[in-house]
N, C-alpha and C. Protein backbone atom coordinates (compact mmCIF):
# COMPACT_ATOMS: atom_id res chain seq x y z
N MET A 1 20.66 -52.61 9.73
CA MET A 1 21.16 -51.31 9.35
C MET A 1 19.94 -50.42 9.12
N VAL A 2 19.93 -49.26 9.79
CA VAL A 2 18.79 -48.35 9.67
C VAL A 2 18.98 -47.41 8.49
N THR A 3 20.10 -46.68 8.47
CA THR A 3 20.39 -45.77 7.36
C THR A 3 21.86 -45.85 7.00
N GLY A 4 22.18 -45.46 5.79
CA GLY A 4 23.57 -45.39 5.36
C GLY A 4 24.13 -46.76 4.99
N GLN A 5 25.45 -46.84 5.04
CA GLN A 5 26.15 -48.07 4.69
C GLN A 5 27.31 -48.27 5.64
N LEU A 6 27.63 -49.53 5.88
CA LEU A 6 28.71 -49.92 6.77
C LEU A 6 29.50 -51.01 6.06
N THR A 7 30.81 -50.87 6.05
CA THR A 7 31.68 -51.89 5.46
C THR A 7 32.47 -52.54 6.59
N PHE A 8 32.53 -53.85 6.57
CA PHE A 8 33.31 -54.58 7.55
C PHE A 8 34.49 -55.24 6.86
N LYS A 9 35.69 -55.03 7.42
CA LYS A 9 36.87 -55.76 6.97
C LYS A 9 37.10 -56.89 7.95
N THR A 10 37.23 -58.10 7.42
CA THR A 10 37.47 -59.28 8.26
C THR A 10 38.67 -60.05 7.71
N THR A 11 39.08 -61.07 8.41
CA THR A 11 40.19 -61.89 7.93
C THR A 11 39.84 -62.63 6.65
N ASP A 12 38.55 -62.76 6.36
CA ASP A 12 38.09 -63.43 5.14
C ASP A 12 37.82 -62.47 4.00
N GLY A 13 38.06 -61.18 4.20
CA GLY A 13 37.76 -60.17 3.18
C GLY A 13 36.88 -59.09 3.76
N SER A 14 36.19 -58.37 2.91
CA SER A 14 35.30 -57.32 3.39
C SER A 14 33.91 -57.49 2.78
N PHE A 15 32.93 -56.90 3.47
CA PHE A 15 31.56 -56.92 2.94
C PHE A 15 30.83 -55.67 3.38
N ASP A 16 29.85 -55.28 2.58
CA ASP A 16 29.05 -54.08 2.83
C ASP A 16 27.68 -54.46 3.35
N VAL A 17 27.14 -53.60 4.20
CA VAL A 17 25.78 -53.74 4.70
C VAL A 17 25.08 -52.41 4.44
N ALA A 18 23.91 -52.46 3.84
CA ALA A 18 23.16 -51.25 3.49
C ALA A 18 21.87 -51.16 4.31
N ALA A 19 21.26 -49.99 4.29
CA ALA A 19 20.02 -49.74 5.01
C ALA A 19 19.00 -50.84 4.69
N GLY A 20 18.36 -51.35 5.74
CA GLY A 20 17.35 -52.38 5.59
C GLY A 20 17.89 -53.80 5.71
N GLU A 21 19.20 -53.95 5.77
CA GLU A 21 19.79 -55.28 5.86
C GLU A 21 20.19 -55.60 7.31
N ALA A 22 20.17 -56.88 7.64
CA ALA A 22 20.66 -57.36 8.93
C ALA A 22 22.03 -57.97 8.71
N PHE A 23 22.83 -58.05 9.77
CA PHE A 23 24.17 -58.62 9.62
C PHE A 23 24.64 -59.25 10.92
N ASP A 24 25.56 -60.17 10.78
CA ASP A 24 26.24 -60.79 11.91
C ASP A 24 27.71 -60.83 11.52
N VAL A 25 28.55 -60.28 12.36
CA VAL A 25 29.97 -60.18 12.01
C VAL A 25 30.81 -60.79 13.13
N PRO A 26 31.84 -61.55 12.77
CA PRO A 26 32.66 -62.22 13.78
C PRO A 26 33.59 -61.25 14.50
N PRO A 27 34.10 -61.65 15.66
CA PRO A 27 35.09 -60.82 16.36
C PRO A 27 36.31 -60.59 15.48
N GLY A 28 37.00 -59.49 15.74
CA GLY A 28 38.22 -59.19 15.01
C GLY A 28 38.01 -58.37 13.75
N HIS A 29 36.80 -57.90 13.52
CA HIS A 29 36.50 -57.12 12.33
C HIS A 29 36.87 -55.64 12.52
N ILE A 30 36.96 -54.93 11.41
CA ILE A 30 37.18 -53.49 11.43
C ILE A 30 36.00 -52.84 10.71
N PRO A 31 35.19 -52.03 11.42
CA PRO A 31 34.06 -51.38 10.77
C PRO A 31 34.49 -50.06 10.13
N LEU A 32 33.96 -49.78 8.96
CA LEU A 32 34.17 -48.52 8.26
C LEU A 32 32.80 -47.90 8.02
N PHE A 33 32.50 -46.83 8.74
CA PHE A 33 31.17 -46.23 8.70
C PHE A 33 31.06 -45.16 7.62
N SER A 34 29.93 -45.14 6.91
CA SER A 34 29.66 -44.05 5.97
C SER A 34 29.02 -42.90 6.76
N ALA A 35 29.06 -41.71 6.20
CA ALA A 35 28.42 -40.57 6.86
C ALA A 35 26.93 -40.84 7.03
N GLY A 36 26.40 -40.53 8.19
CA GLY A 36 24.98 -40.71 8.46
C GLY A 36 24.58 -42.15 8.75
N CYS A 37 25.55 -43.00 8.97
CA CYS A 37 25.28 -44.42 9.23
C CYS A 37 24.63 -44.59 10.61
N GLU A 38 23.52 -45.31 10.65
CA GLU A 38 22.84 -45.63 11.90
C GLU A 38 22.46 -47.10 11.89
N TRP A 39 22.68 -47.78 13.03
CA TRP A 39 22.34 -49.19 13.12
C TRP A 39 21.87 -49.50 14.53
N VAL A 40 21.23 -50.64 14.65
CA VAL A 40 20.78 -51.14 15.95
C VAL A 40 21.55 -52.43 16.19
N GLN A 41 22.11 -52.55 17.39
CA GLN A 41 22.93 -53.71 17.72
C GLN A 41 22.25 -54.54 18.80
N PHE A 42 22.12 -55.84 18.55
CA PHE A 42 21.58 -56.78 19.51
C PHE A 42 22.67 -57.78 19.86
N THR A 43 23.01 -57.88 21.12
CA THR A 43 24.04 -58.81 21.58
C THR A 43 23.66 -59.28 22.98
N ALA A 44 23.91 -60.53 23.27
CA ALA A 44 23.69 -61.04 24.63
C ALA A 44 24.57 -60.24 25.60
N THR A 45 24.12 -60.03 26.82
CA THR A 45 24.81 -59.17 27.78
C THR A 45 26.28 -59.51 27.96
N ALA A 46 26.61 -60.78 28.19
CA ALA A 46 28.02 -61.15 28.40
C ALA A 46 28.84 -60.84 27.15
N GLY A 47 28.30 -61.15 26.01
CA GLY A 47 28.99 -60.84 24.75
C GLY A 47 29.13 -59.35 24.53
N GLN A 48 28.13 -58.59 24.94
CA GLN A 48 28.18 -57.14 24.77
C GLN A 48 29.26 -56.52 25.63
N ARG A 49 29.43 -56.99 26.84
CA ARG A 49 30.50 -56.45 27.71
C ARG A 49 31.86 -56.65 27.06
N LYS A 50 32.09 -57.82 26.50
CA LYS A 50 33.35 -58.11 25.83
C LYS A 50 33.51 -57.19 24.61
N THR A 51 32.44 -57.01 23.86
CA THR A 51 32.47 -56.14 22.69
C THR A 51 32.75 -54.70 23.10
N ASP A 52 32.08 -54.22 24.15
CA ASP A 52 32.28 -52.85 24.61
C ASP A 52 33.74 -52.60 25.01
N LYS A 53 34.35 -53.54 25.69
CA LYS A 53 35.74 -53.38 26.10
C LYS A 53 36.66 -53.31 24.88
N ALA A 54 36.38 -54.13 23.88
CA ALA A 54 37.20 -54.11 22.66
C ALA A 54 37.04 -52.79 21.92
N VAL A 55 35.82 -52.28 21.84
CA VAL A 55 35.57 -50.99 21.19
C VAL A 55 36.31 -49.88 21.92
N GLN A 56 36.26 -49.89 23.24
CA GLN A 56 36.96 -48.87 24.03
C GLN A 56 38.47 -48.93 23.81
N ARG A 57 39.04 -50.13 23.81
CA ARG A 57 40.48 -50.27 23.57
C ARG A 57 40.85 -49.78 22.18
N ASN A 58 40.07 -50.17 21.19
CA ASN A 58 40.37 -49.80 19.81
C ASN A 58 40.20 -48.31 19.58
N THR A 59 39.19 -47.71 20.20
CA THR A 59 38.97 -46.27 20.06
C THR A 59 40.13 -45.50 20.69
N ALA A 60 40.56 -45.93 21.87
CA ALA A 60 41.69 -45.27 22.53
C ALA A 60 42.96 -45.43 21.71
N ALA A 61 43.18 -46.61 21.14
CA ALA A 61 44.38 -46.84 20.33
C ALA A 61 44.35 -45.98 19.07
N ALA A 62 43.18 -45.86 18.45
CA ALA A 62 43.06 -45.04 17.24
C ALA A 62 43.29 -43.57 17.54
N ALA A 63 42.93 -43.15 18.75
CA ALA A 63 43.13 -41.76 19.15
C ALA A 63 44.58 -41.52 19.56
N GLY A 64 45.34 -42.59 19.71
CA GLY A 64 46.74 -42.48 20.05
C GLY A 64 47.00 -42.22 21.52
N THR A 65 45.98 -42.38 22.36
CA THR A 65 46.16 -42.10 23.78
C THR A 65 46.54 -43.32 24.56
N GLY A 66 46.05 -44.48 24.13
CA GLY A 66 46.29 -45.70 24.89
C GLY A 66 45.46 -45.75 26.16
N ASP A 67 44.67 -44.69 26.41
CA ASP A 67 43.83 -44.64 27.60
C ASP A 67 42.56 -45.43 27.38
N HIS A 68 42.01 -45.90 28.47
CA HIS A 68 40.73 -46.58 28.44
C HIS A 68 39.68 -45.58 28.93
N PRO A 69 38.71 -45.22 28.06
CA PRO A 69 37.73 -44.19 28.41
C PRO A 69 37.02 -44.39 29.73
N THR A 70 36.80 -45.63 30.15
CA THR A 70 36.08 -45.87 31.40
C THR A 70 37.02 -46.15 32.55
N GLY A 71 38.30 -46.15 32.28
CA GLY A 71 39.27 -46.45 33.33
C GLY A 71 39.43 -47.94 33.56
N GLN A 72 38.74 -48.77 32.77
CA GLN A 72 38.82 -50.22 32.92
C GLN A 72 39.86 -50.77 31.96
N THR A 73 40.40 -51.91 32.30
CA THR A 73 41.34 -52.59 31.41
C THR A 73 40.81 -53.94 31.03
């Protein structure tokens, strides 16, 4: 975490990550970002593709469109 704070809700509960801390979070989490939150994400390429697709689906669902921003499913 570079700046700010990030809270993750998981099936096991929730936890906070603050500036200067590293974190590893399992699939199925819900991130809650604080204003000005900045982080750096490191993920293996295959894992990142899966993560990107999930983020796109969840973002579209939260926007209520059901659309996939990249046109992929």
